[in-house]
């Protein structure tokens, strides 16, 4: 992940890098299908209906995967503290 480091103290930069690594590790631990939907929604900005069409799944499945992915990611990030 790209971080905007300009103007940050070295301690701040270190904390950002650690957070970035934690996020990368947590994302890698998600089920591939959940990770795909989460990244399409949160990083790429696609709507649920767009994701459904792109992935070829019902919109309800998109919402379910997104819900479970967010919950799992939250748990993984909390356990890494």
PDB file of N, CA and C in Angstrom:
ATOM      1  N   UNK A   1       0.841  -1.166   0.000  1.00  0.00           N
ATOM      2  CA  UNK A   1       0.000   0.000   0.000  1.00  0.00           C
ATOM      3  C   UNK A   1       0.891   1.235   0.000  1.00  0.00           C
ATOM      4  N   UNK A   2       0.431   2.219  -0.718  1.00  0.00           N
ATOM      5  CA  UNK A   2       1.189   3.457  -0.763  1.00  0.00           C
ATOM      6  C   UNK A   2       0.798   4.349   0.401  1.00  0.00           C
ATOM      7  N   UNK A   3       1.806   4.899   1.039  1.00  0.00           N
ATOM      8  CA  UNK A   3       1.553   5.813   2.148  1.00  0.00           C
ATOM      9  C   UNK A   3       2.024   7.200   1.769  1.00  0.00           C
ATOM     10  N   UNK A   4       1.327   8.206   2.237  1.00  0.00           N
ATOM     11  CA  UNK A   4       1.756   9.582   2.053  1.00  0.00           C
ATOM     12  C   UNK A   4       2.620   9.922   3.252  1.00  0.00           C
ATOM     13  N   UNK A   5       3.942   9.984   3.054  1.00  0.00           N
ATOM     14  CA  UNK A   5       4.859  10.145   4.167  1.00  0.00           C
ATOM     15  C   UNK A   5       5.406  11.556   4.310  1.00  0.00           C
ATOM     16  N   UNK A   6       5.137  12.422   3.363  1.00  0.00           N
ATOM     17  CA  UNK A   6       5.689  13.778   3.410  1.00  0.00           C
ATOM     18  C   UNK A   6       5.231  14.486   4.678  1.00  0.00           C
ATOM     19  N   UNK A   7       6.172  15.086   5.374  1.00  0.00           N
ATOM     20  CA  UNK A   7       5.849  15.866   6.552  1.00  0.00           C
ATOM     21  C   UNK A   7       5.616  15.050   7.808  1.00  0.00           C
ATOM     22  N   UNK A   8       5.825  13.759   7.783  1.00  0.00           N
ATOM     23  CA  UNK A   8       5.618  12.902   8.942  1.00  0.00           C
ATOM     24  C   UNK A   8       6.916  12.768   9.735  1.00  0.00           C
ATOM     25  N   UNK A   9       6.811  12.680  11.059  1.00  0.00           N
ATOM     26  CA  UNK A   9       7.981  12.412  11.884  1.00  0.00           C
ATOM     27  C   UNK A   9       8.405  10.970  11.648  1.00  0.00           C
ATOM     28  N   UNK A  10       9.633  10.647  12.027  1.00  0.00           N
ATOM     29  CA  UNK A  10      10.106   9.270  11.820  1.00  0.00           C
ATOM     30  C   UNK A  10       9.272   8.284  12.635  1.00  0.00           C
ATOM     31  N   UNK A  11       8.843   8.677  13.836  1.00  0.00           N
ATOM     32  CA  UNK A  11       7.984   7.805  14.640  1.00  0.00           C
ATOM     33  C   UNK A  11       6.631   7.618  13.959  1.00  0.00           C
ATOM     34  N   UNK A  12       6.101   8.688  13.396  1.00  0.00           N
ATOM     35  CA  UNK A  12       4.832   8.598  12.681  1.00  0.00           C
ATOM     36  C   UNK A  12       4.937   7.721  11.452  1.00  0.00           C
ATOM     37  N   UNK A  13       6.040   7.850  10.739  1.00  0.00           N
ATOM     38  CA  UNK A  13       6.267   7.028   9.554  1.00  0.00           C
ATOM     39  C   UNK A  13       6.361   5.561   9.953  1.00  0.00           C
ATOM     40  N   UNK A  14       7.053   5.276  11.044  1.00  0.00           N
ATOM     41  CA  UNK A  14       7.180   3.895  11.519  1.00  0.00           C
ATOM     42  C   UNK A  14       5.816   3.322  11.870  1.00  0.00           C
ATOM     43  N   UNK A  15       4.989   4.099  12.551  1.00  0.00           N
ATOM     44  CA  UNK A  15       3.647   3.629  12.905  1.00  0.00           C
ATOM     45  C   UNK A  15       2.797   3.377  11.663  1.00  0.00           C
ATOM     46  N   UNK A  16       2.909   4.262  10.678  1.00  0.00           N
ATOM     47  CA  UNK A  16       2.161   4.072   9.429  1.00  0.00           C
ATOM     48  C   UNK A  16       2.613   2.821   8.701  1.00  0.00           C
ATOM     49  N   UNK A  17       3.903   2.594   8.672  1.00  0.00           N
ATOM     50  CA  UNK A  17       4.425   1.385   8.004  1.00  0.00           C
ATOM     51  C   UNK A  17       3.966   0.124   8.723  1.00  0.00           C
ATOM     52  N   UNK A  18       3.969   0.149  10.052  1.00  0.00           N
ATOM     53  CA  UNK A  18       3.487  -1.009  10.816  1.00  0.00           C
ATOM     54  C   UNK A  18       2.008  -1.251  10.554  1.00  0.00           C
ATOM     55  N   UNK A  19       1.230  -0.196  10.529  1.00  0.00           N
ATOM     56  CA  UNK A  19      -0.207  -0.324  10.253  1.00  0.00           C
ATOM     57  C   UNK A  19      -0.430  -0.869   8.845  1.00  0.00           C
ATOM     58  N   UNK A  20       0.379  -0.403   7.906  1.00  0.00           N
ATOM     59  CA  UNK A  20       0.282  -0.870   6.528  1.00  0.00           C
ATOM     60  C   UNK A  20       0.584  -2.361   6.444  1.00  0.00           C
ATOM     61  N   UNK A  21       1.636  -2.789   7.138  1.00  0.00           N
ATOM     62  CA  UNK A  21       1.991  -4.220   7.152  1.00  0.00           C
ATOM     63  C   UNK A  21       0.885  -5.038   7.805  1.00  0.00           C
ATOM     64  N   UNK A  22       0.334  -4.535   8.908  1.00  0.00           N
ATOM     65  CA  UNK A  22      -0.763  -5.244   9.583  1.00  0.00           C
ATOM     66  C   UNK A  22      -1.961  -5.410   8.643  1.00  0.00           C
ATOM     67  N   UNK A  23      -2.289  -4.351   7.922  1.00  0.00           N
ATOM     68  CA  UNK A  23      -3.407  -4.410   6.987  1.00  0.00           C
ATOM     69  C   UNK A  23      -3.134  -5.408   5.860  1.00  0.00           C
ATOM     70  N   UNK A  24      -1.933  -5.370   5.315  1.00  0.00           N
ATOM     71  CA  UNK A  24      -1.565  -6.321   4.246  1.00  0.00           C
ATOM     72  C   UNK A  24      -1.680  -7.760   4.737  1.00  0.00           C
ATOM     73  N   UNK A  25      -1.185  -8.024   5.933  1.00  0.00           N
ATOM     74  CA  UNK A  25      -1.255  -9.388   6.494  1.00  0.00           C
ATOM     75  C   UNK A  25      -2.705  -9.809   6.717  1.00  0.00           C
ATOM     76  N   UNK A  26      -3.508  -8.907   7.259  1.00  0.00           N
ATOM     77  CA  UNK A  26      -4.908  -9.222   7.521  1.00  0.00           C
ATOM     78  C   UNK A  26      -5.658  -9.495   6.214  1.00  0.00           C
ATOM     79  N   UNK A  27      -5.428  -8.671   5.210  1.00  0.00           N
ATOM     80  CA  UNK A  27      -6.071  -8.894   3.910  1.00  0.00           C
ATOM     81  C   UNK A  27      -5.653 -10.233   3.314  1.00  0.00           C
ATOM     82  N   UNK A  28      -4.399 -10.589   3.459  1.00  0.00           N
ATOM     83  CA  UNK A  28      -3.906 -11.860   2.919  1.00  0.00           C
ATOM     84  C   UNK A  28      -4.563 -13.059   3.604  1.00  0.00           C
ATOM     85  N   UNK A  29      -4.995 -12.884   4.844  1.00  0.00           N
ATOM     86  CA  UNK A  29      -5.620 -13.979   5.584  1.00  0.00           C
ATOM     87  C   UNK A  29      -7.108 -14.139   5.284  1.00  0.00           C
ATOM     88  N   UNK A  30      -7.703 -13.165   4.626  1.00  0.00           N
ATOM     89  CA  UNK A  30      -9.113 -13.280   4.262  1.00  0.00           C
ATOM     90  C   UNK A  30      -9.295 -14.326   3.168  1.00  0.00           C
ATOM     91  N   UNK A  31     -10.428 -14.970   3.180  1.00  0.00           N
ATOM     92  CA  UNK A  31     -10.824 -15.859   2.098  1.00  0.00           C
ATOM     93  C   UNK A  31     -10.775 -15.058   0.784  1.00  0.00           C
ATOM     94  N   UNK A  32     -10.297 -15.682  -0.282  1.00  0.00           N
ATOM     95  CA  UNK A  32     -10.093 -14.985  -1.563  1.00  0.00           C
ATOM     96  C   UNK A  32     -11.374 -14.333  -2.082  1.00  0.00           C
ATOM     97  N   UNK A  33     -12.501 -14.999  -1.944  1.00  0.00           N
ATOM     98  CA  UNK A  33     -13.761 -14.444  -2.454  1.00  0.00           C
ATOM     99  C   UNK A  33     -14.182 -13.211  -1.659  1.00  0.00           C
ATOM    100  N   UNK A  34     -13.993 -13.270  -0.352  1.00  0.00           N
ATOM    101  CA  UNK A  34     -14.330 -12.117   0.486  1.00  0.00           C
ATOM    102  C   UNK A  34     -13.373 -10.960   0.216  1.00  0.00           C
ATOM    103  N   UNK A  35     -12.089 -11.285   0.096  1.00  0.00           N
ATOM    104  CA  UNK A  35     -11.083 -10.248  -0.183  1.00  0.00           C
ATOM    105  C   UNK A  35     -11.374  -9.550  -1.503  1.00  0.00           C
ATOM    106  N   UNK A  36     -11.746 -10.316  -2.515  1.00  0.00           N
ATOM    107  CA  UNK A  36     -12.046  -9.748  -3.825  1.00  0.00           C
ATOM    108  C   UNK A  36     -13.169  -8.717  -3.740  1.00  0.00           C
ATOM    109  N   UNK A  37     -14.258  -9.088  -3.088  1.00  0.00           N
ATOM    110  CA  UNK A  37     -15.407  -8.188  -2.970  1.00  0.00           C
ATOM    111  C   UNK A  37     -15.037  -6.961  -2.130  1.00  0.00           C
ATOM    112  N   UNK A  38     -14.321  -7.166  -1.039  1.00  0.00           N
ATOM    113  CA  UNK A  38     -13.918  -6.061  -0.179  1.00  0.00           C
ATOM    114  C   UNK A  38     -13.042  -5.061  -0.933  1.00  0.00           C
ATOM    115  N   UNK A  39     -12.055  -5.556  -1.664  1.00  0.00           N
ATOM    116  CA  UNK A  39     -11.162  -4.658  -2.398  1.00  0.00           C
ATOM    117  C   UNK A  39     -11.892  -3.934  -3.527  1.00  0.00           C
ATOM    118  N   UNK A  40     -12.782  -4.631  -4.210  1.00  0.00           N
ATOM    119  CA  UNK A  40     -13.551  -3.968  -5.267  1.00  0.00           C
ATOM    120  C   UNK A  40     -14.421  -2.845  -4.703  1.00  0.00           C
ATOM    121  N   UNK A  41     -14.977  -3.067  -3.511  1.00  0.00           N
ATOM    122  CA  UNK A  41     -15.847  -2.051  -2.906  1.00  0.00           C
ATOM    123  C   UNK A  41     -15.047  -0.924  -2.259  1.00  0.00           C
ATOM    124  N   UNK A  42     -14.097  -1.276  -1.418  1.00  0.00           N
ATOM    125  CA  UNK A  42     -13.418  -0.276  -0.592  1.00  0.00           C
ATOM    126  C   UNK A  42     -12.249   0.413  -1.278  1.00  0.00           C
ATOM    127  N   UNK A  43     -11.551  -0.303  -2.135  1.00  0.00           N
ATOM    128  CA  UNK A  43     -10.376   0.289  -2.793  1.00  0.00           C
ATOM    129  C   UNK A  43     -10.748   0.828  -4.172  1.00  0.00           C
ATOM    130  N   UNK A  44     -11.460   0.017  -4.937  1.00  0.00           N
ATOM    131  CA  UNK A  44     -11.791   0.414  -6.309  1.00  0.00           C
ATOM    132  C   UNK A  44     -13.056   1.268  -6.389  1.00  0.00           C
ATOM    133  N   UNK A  45     -13.883   1.212  -5.353  1.00  0.00           N
ATOM    134  CA  UNK A  45     -15.060   2.070  -5.310  1.00  0.00           C
ATOM    135  C   UNK A  45     -16.258   1.601  -6.117  1.00  0.00           C
ATOM    136  N   UNK A  46     -16.301   0.325  -6.463  1.00  0.00           N
ATOM    137  CA  UNK A  46     -17.440  -0.194  -7.214  1.00  0.00           C
ATOM    138  C   UNK A  46     -18.651  -0.340  -6.303  1.00  0.00           C
ATOM    139  N   UNK A  47     -19.830  -0.177  -6.859  1.00  0.00           N
ATOM    140  CA  UNK A  47     -21.072  -0.394  -6.116  1.00  0.00           C
ATOM    141  C   UNK A  47     -21.340  -1.898  -6.038  1.00  0.00           C
ATOM    142  N   UNK A  48     -22.262  -2.266  -5.172  1.00  0.00           N
ATOM    143  CA  UNK A  48     -22.606  -3.682  -5.017  1.00  0.00           C
ATOM    144  C   UNK A  48     -23.124  -4.271  -6.324  1.00  0.00           C
ATOM    145  N   UNK A  49     -23.937  -3.521  -7.047  1.00  0.00           N
ATOM    146  CA  UNK A  49     -24.466  -4.043  -8.315  1.00  0.00           C
ATOM    147  C   UNK A  49     -23.350  -4.186  -9.355  1.00  0.00           C
ATOM    148  N   UNK A  50     -22.399  -3.274  -9.356  1.00  0.00           N
ATOM    149  CA  UNK A  50     -21.258  -3.391 -10.276  1.00  0.00           C
ATOM    150  C   UNK A  50     -20.399  -4.599  -9.927  1.00  0.00           C
ATOM    151  N   UNK A  51     -20.183  -4.817  -8.632  1.00  0.00           N
ATOM    152  CA  UNK A  51     -19.387  -5.973  -8.198  1.00  0.00           C
ATOM    153  C   UNK A  51     -20.092  -7.263  -8.587  1.00  0.00           C
ATOM    154  N   UNK A  52     -21.406  -7.312  -8.387  1.00  0.00           N
ATOM    155  CA  UNK A  52     -22.178  -8.503  -8.752  1.00  0.00           C
ATOM    156  C   UNK A  52     -21.993  -8.831 -10.229  1.00  0.00           C
ATOM    157  N   UNK A  53     -22.046  -7.815 -11.071  1.00  0.00           N
ATOM    158  CA  UNK A  53     -21.872  -8.032 -12.512  1.00  0.00           C
ATOM    159  C   UNK A  53     -20.443  -8.436 -12.845  1.00  0.00           C
ATOM    160  N   UNK A  54     -19.475  -7.801 -12.214  1.00  0.00           N
ATOM    161  CA  UNK A  54     -18.066  -8.109 -12.483  1.00  0.00           C
ATOM    162  C   UNK A  54     -17.690  -9.532 -12.074  1.00  0.00           C
ATOM    163  N   UNK A  55     -18.164  -9.930 -10.905  1.00  0.00           N
ATOM    164  CA  UNK A  55     -17.778 -11.222 -10.340  1.00  0.00           C
ATOM    165  C   UNK A  55     -18.715 -12.334 -10.801  1.00  0.00           C
ATOM    166  N   UNK A  56     -19.923 -11.951 -11.219  1.00  0.00           N
ATOM    167  CA  UNK A  56     -20.886 -12.948 -11.681  1.00  0.00           C
ATOM    168  C   UNK A  56     -21.611 -13.646 -10.553  1.00  0.00           C
ATOM    169  N   UNK A  57     -21.956 -12.875  -9.509  1.00  0.00           N
ATOM    170  CA  UNK A  57     -22.680 -13.418  -8.361  1.00  0.00           C
ATOM    171  C   UNK A  57     -23.885 -12.524  -8.076  1.00  0.00           C
ATOM    172  N   UNK A  58     -24.889 -13.061  -7.359  1.00  0.00           N
ATOM    173  CA  UNK A  58     -26.044 -12.236  -6.999  1.00  0.00           C
ATOM    174  C   UNK A  58     -25.642 -11.091  -6.067  1.00  0.00           C
ATOM    175  N   UNK A  59     -26.388  -9.996  -6.127  1.00  0.00           N
ATOM    176  CA  UNK A  59     -26.075  -8.839  -5.294  1.00  0.00           C
ATOM    177  C   UNK A  59     -26.160  -9.177  -3.806  1.00  0.00           C
ATOM    178  N   UNK A  60     -27.060 -10.054  -3.437  1.00  0.00           N
ATOM    179  CA  UNK A  60     -27.156 -10.479  -2.036  1.00  0.00           C
ATOM    180  C   UNK A  60     -25.882 -11.159  -1.565  1.00  0.00           C
ATOM    181  N   UNK A  61     -25.252 -11.913  -2.443  1.00  0.00           N
ATOM    182  CA  UNK A  61     -23.992 -12.567  -2.120  1.00  0.00           C
ATOM    183  C   UNK A  61     -22.884 -11.539  -1.952  1.00  0.00           C
ATOM    184  N   UNK A  62     -22.929 -10.494  -2.751  1.00  0.00           N
ATOM    185  CA  UNK A  62     -21.949  -9.409  -2.601  1.00  0.00           C
ATOM    186  C   UNK A  62     -22.078  -8.817  -1.204  1.00  0.00           C
ATOM    187  N   UNK A  63     -23.303  -8.478  -0.786  1.00  0.00           N
ATOM    188  CA  UNK A  63     -23.509  -7.874   0.524  1.00  0.00           C
ATOM    189  C   UNK A  63     -23.078  -8.812   1.643  1.00  0.00           C
ATOM    190  N   UNK A  64     -23.382 -10.096   1.497  1.00  0.00           N
ATOM    191  CA  UNK A  64     -22.999 -11.076   2.522  1.00  0.00           C
ATOM    192  C   UNK A  64     -21.485 -11.185   2.623  1.00  0.00           C
ATOM    193  N   UNK A  65     -20.817 -11.321   1.489  1.00  0.00           N
ATOM    194  CA  UNK A  65     -19.352 -11.428   1.504  1.00  0.00           C
ATOM    195  C   UNK A  65     -18.721 -10.156   2.054  1.00  0.00           C
ATOM    196  N   UNK A  66     -19.269  -9.022   1.676  1.00  0.00           N
ATOM    197  CA  UNK A  66     -18.729  -7.754   2.152  1.00  0.00           C
ATOM    198  C   UNK A  66     -18.888  -7.638   3.669  1.00  0.00           C
ATOM    199  N   UNK A  67     -20.037  -8.005   4.174  1.00  0.00           N
ATOM    200  CA  UNK A  67     -20.275  -7.976   5.621  1.00  0.00           C
ATOM    201  C   UNK A  67     -19.278  -8.872   6.356  1.00  0.00           C
ATOM    202  N   UNK A  68     -19.140 -10.099   5.893  1.00  0.00           N
ATOM    203  CA  UNK A  68     -18.246 -11.051   6.562  1.00  0.00           C
ATOM    204  C   UNK A  68     -16.781 -10.657   6.406  1.00  0.00           C
ATOM    205  N   UNK A  69     -16.433 -10.106   5.267  1.00  0.00           N
ATOM    206  CA  UNK A  69     -15.047  -9.659   5.055  1.00  0.00           C
ATOM    207  C   UNK A  69     -14.700  -8.518   5.997  1.00  0.00           C
ATOM    208  N   UNK A  70     -15.589  -7.553   6.133  1.00  0.00           N
ATOM    209  CA  UNK A  70     -15.335  -6.422   7.042  1.00  0.00           C
ATOM    210  C   UNK A  70     -15.214  -6.895   8.478  1.00  0.00           C
ATOM    211  N   UNK A  71     -16.104  -7.790   8.873  1.00  0.00           N
ATOM    212  CA  UNK A  71     -16.070  -8.310  10.238  1.00  0.00           C
ATOM    213  C   UNK A  71     -14.779  -9.089  10.500  1.00  0.00           C
ATOM    214  N   UNK A  72     -14.391  -9.933   9.559  1.00  0.00           N
ATOM    215  CA  UNK A  72     -13.155 -10.715   9.713  1.00  0.00           C
ATOM    216  C   UNK A  72     -11.928  -9.809   9.728  1.00  0.00           C
ATOM    217  N   UNK A  73     -11.909  -8.815   8.855  1.00  0.00           N
ATOM    218  CA  UNK A  73     -10.779  -7.888   8.805  1.00  0.00           C
ATOM    219  C   UNK A  73     -10.664  -7.123  10.120  1.00  0.00           C
ATOM    220  N   UNK A  74     -11.781  -6.668  10.647  1.00  0.00           N
ATOM    221  CA  UNK A  74     -11.779  -5.953  11.932  1.00  0.00           C
ATOM    222  C   UNK A  74     -11.187  -6.838  13.028  1.00  0.00           C
ATOM    223  N   UNK A  75     -11.621  -8.092  13.086  1.00  0.00           N
ATOM    224  CA  UNK A  75     -11.102  -9.028  14.103  1.00  0.00           C
ATOM    225  C   UNK A  75      -9.612  -9.266  13.930  1.00  0.00           C
ATOM    226  N   UNK A  76      -9.179  -9.466  12.704  1.00  0.00           N
ATOM    227  CA  UNK A  76      -7.756  -9.702  12.453  1.00  0.00           C
ATOM    228  C   UNK A  76      -6.910  -8.501  12.851  1.00  0.00           C
ATOM    229  N   UNK A  77      -7.391  -7.319  12.551  1.00  0.00           N
ATOM    230  CA  UNK A  77      -6.631  -6.105  12.895  1.00  0.00           C
ATOM    231  C   UNK A  77      -6.627  -5.879  14.411  1.00  0.00           C
ATOM    232  N   UNK A  78      -7.725  -6.175  15.070  1.00  0.00           N
ATOM    233  CA  UNK A  78      -7.763  -6.032  16.528  1.00  0.00           C
ATOM    234  C   UNK A  78      -6.840  -7.037  17.212  1.00  0.00           C
ATOM    235  N   UNK A  79      -6.731  -8.227  16.658  1.00  0.00           N
ATOM    236  CA  UNK A  79      -5.870  -9.249  17.266  1.00  0.00           C
ATOM    237  C   UNK A  79      -4.385  -8.992  17.007  1.00  0.00           C
ATOM    238  N   UNK A  80      -4.082  -8.127  16.046  1.00  0.00           N
ATOM    239  CA  UNK A  80      -2.676  -7.829  15.743  1.00  0.00           C
ATOM    240  C   UNK A  80      -2.115  -6.715  16.620  1.00  0.00           C
ATOM    241  N   UNK A  81      -2.970  -6.114  17.449  1.00  0.00           N
ATOM    242  CA  UNK A  81      -2.522  -5.001  18.329  1.00  0.00           C
ATOM    243  C   UNK A  81      -1.747  -5.519  19.503  1.00  0.00           C
TER     244      UNK A  81
END
